[in-house]
Amino acid sequence: MALKITDSCISCDVCVFECPNQAISLGEEIYVIDPERCTECVGHHETPQCVAVCPVDCIVPDPERREERELLYQKYLRLTKTRR
């Protein structure tokens, strides 16, 4: 599933630079994750890098966006194909 950033975000922007899919951007008050670009780092890393670096643990799975690993990998392929 895609990830989301909760209201406990302190807008430190550390996660932005770790996202290989450029899925994280500044929202109205806190950072947000574009679910169309979030692959939970499948295809790039073993674990979601934004989660690994978040100092307040505010990045969690989005229950509204359930996606199996294979679907995340297909999204990764689609996203990286457009960059080549």
Protein backbone atom coordinates (compact mmCIF):
# COMPACT_ATOMS: atom_id res chain seq x y z
CA MET A 1 0.00 0.00 0.00
CA ALA A 2 1.08 3.57 -0.43
CA LEU A 3 2.30 5.47 2.57
CA LYS A 4 0.89 8.63 4.12
CA ILE A 5 2.19 11.29 6.46
CA THR A 6 0.21 11.92 9.62
CA ASP A 7 -0.52 15.19 11.40
CA SER A 8 2.42 14.62 13.72
CA CYS A 9 4.76 15.67 10.86
CA ILE A 10 7.12 18.45 11.96
CA SER A 11 7.88 19.49 8.35
CA CYS A 12 11.59 18.83 8.73
CA ASP A 13 11.81 17.85 5.00
CA VAL A 14 14.28 15.01 5.60
CA CYS A 15 11.96 12.53 3.85
CA VAL A 16 11.76 14.60 0.66
CA PHE A 17 15.38 13.97 -0.28
CA GLU A 18 15.16 10.24 0.45
CA CYS A 19 12.22 9.49 -1.87
CA PRO A 20 13.50 7.97 -5.12
CA ASN A 21 10.15 8.57 -6.83
CA GLN A 22 9.75 12.23 -5.91
CA ALA A 23 6.43 11.36 -4.29
CA ILE A 24 6.79 13.68 -1.30
CA SER A 25 5.98 17.38 -1.43
CA LEU A 26 4.94 20.15 0.89
CA GLY A 27 1.19 20.31 1.40
CA GLU A 28 -0.77 23.14 2.96
CA GLU A 29 0.52 22.46 6.47
CA ILE A 30 2.64 19.31 6.37
CA TYR A 31 4.38 17.15 3.80
CA VAL A 32 2.21 14.81 1.75
CA ILE A 33 2.86 11.68 -0.28
CA ASP A 34 1.43 11.30 -3.78
CA PRO A 35 -0.02 7.77 -3.76
CA GLU A 36 0.36 7.55 -7.55
CA ARG A 37 4.14 7.90 -7.16
CA CYS A 38 4.69 6.04 -3.88
CA THR A 39 6.04 2.50 -4.32
CA GLU A 40 7.24 2.17 -0.72
CA CYS A 41 10.67 2.15 -2.39
CA VAL A 42 9.96 -1.20 -4.07
CA GLY A 43 12.44 -1.49 -6.94
CA HIS A 44 14.88 0.91 -5.27
CA HIS A 45 15.40 -0.25 -1.67
CA GLU A 46 14.38 -3.05 0.68
CA THR A 47 12.50 -0.69 3.00
CA PRO A 48 10.77 2.69 2.59
CA GLN A 49 13.50 5.27 2.99
CA CYS A 50 11.19 8.04 4.18
CA VAL A 51 10.09 5.85 7.10
CA ALA A 52 13.71 5.06 7.93
CA VAL A 53 14.74 8.72 8.24
CA CYS A 54 11.60 10.24 9.78
CA PRO A 55 12.55 11.58 13.24
CA VAL A 56 8.96 11.48 14.57
CA ASP A 57 7.68 8.24 13.00
CA CYS A 58 4.79 9.98 11.26
CA ILE A 59 4.88 8.00 7.99
CA VAL A 60 2.50 5.06 8.05
CA PRO A 61 0.75 2.71 5.61
CA ASP A 62 -2.34 4.30 4.11
CA PRO A 63 -5.27 1.93 4.72
CA GLU A 64 -7.16 3.63 1.88
CA ARG A 65 -4.46 2.59 -0.63
CA ARG A 66 -3.87 -1.14 -0.25
CA GLU A 67 -1.38 -2.34 -2.86
CA GLU A 68 0.42 -5.67 -3.01
CA ARG A 69 4.18 -5.74 -3.60
CA GLU A 70 3.67 -6.80 -7.24
CA LEU A 71 1.45 -3.77 -7.91
CA LEU A 72 4.05 -1.52 -6.26
CA TYR A 73 6.72 -3.07 -8.49
CA GLN A 74 4.60 -2.48 -11.60
CA LYS A 75 4.21 1.14 -10.53
CA TYR A 76 8.01 1.36 -10.07
CA LEU A 77 8.53 0.03 -13.61
CA ARG A 78 6.07 2.56 -15.03
CA LEU A 79 7.67 5.45 -13.15
CA THR A 80 11.25 4.54 -14.03
CA LYS A 81 10.41 3.91 -17.68
CA THR A 82 9.40 7.56 -18.09
CA ARG A 83 12.75 8.72 -16.67
CA ARG A 84 14.91 6.83 -19.16
